[in-house]
Amino acid sequence: MTPDEYIETLEEPRRGEIRELHDLIRETVPDLEPHIAYGMLGYGPFHYRYASGREGDASLLGLSSRKRYISLYVLCTTEDGYLAEQYAERLPKADIGKSCVRFKRTADIDRDTLRELIAEAGRIGPAAAEA
């Protein structure tokens, strides 16, 4: 399944919202290859390996339509911790976990702040794998 096919499977109004976010991500970080991973849109696939030897594949950014909300996953850290958490005050209508920004609809989110978060993740790159 392609990213466009994934988006087309969604019901409105969610389809339009995910399409809008997909376009925002593509415009902001065009070098991050879009793909489908784990039943969601992924951008910037990478392979990781922990010091323990465990390894796998992930994406720098993920976008998913859940039943009650939209999730934007940001697998990126800075010396201050998880990048998504650093935007909690600037995205007050979102529920933000370590690497996930959840919101009910795109109208609840400041697009400029979201674009800044996405661009910063693109500059920094994937979170470092730890043991």
Foldseek 3Di string as FASTA:
>chain_A
DFQVVLLVVDDPPVSVQLVVVVVLLCVLQVVFDWGADPSWIATNKDKAAEPVGDIDIDGQWTWDDDPQWIKIFHQDADPVAQLQVVCCVVQVQWDDDRGITIHRGPVSGDSVSVSVSSNVSSVRDGYHHYD
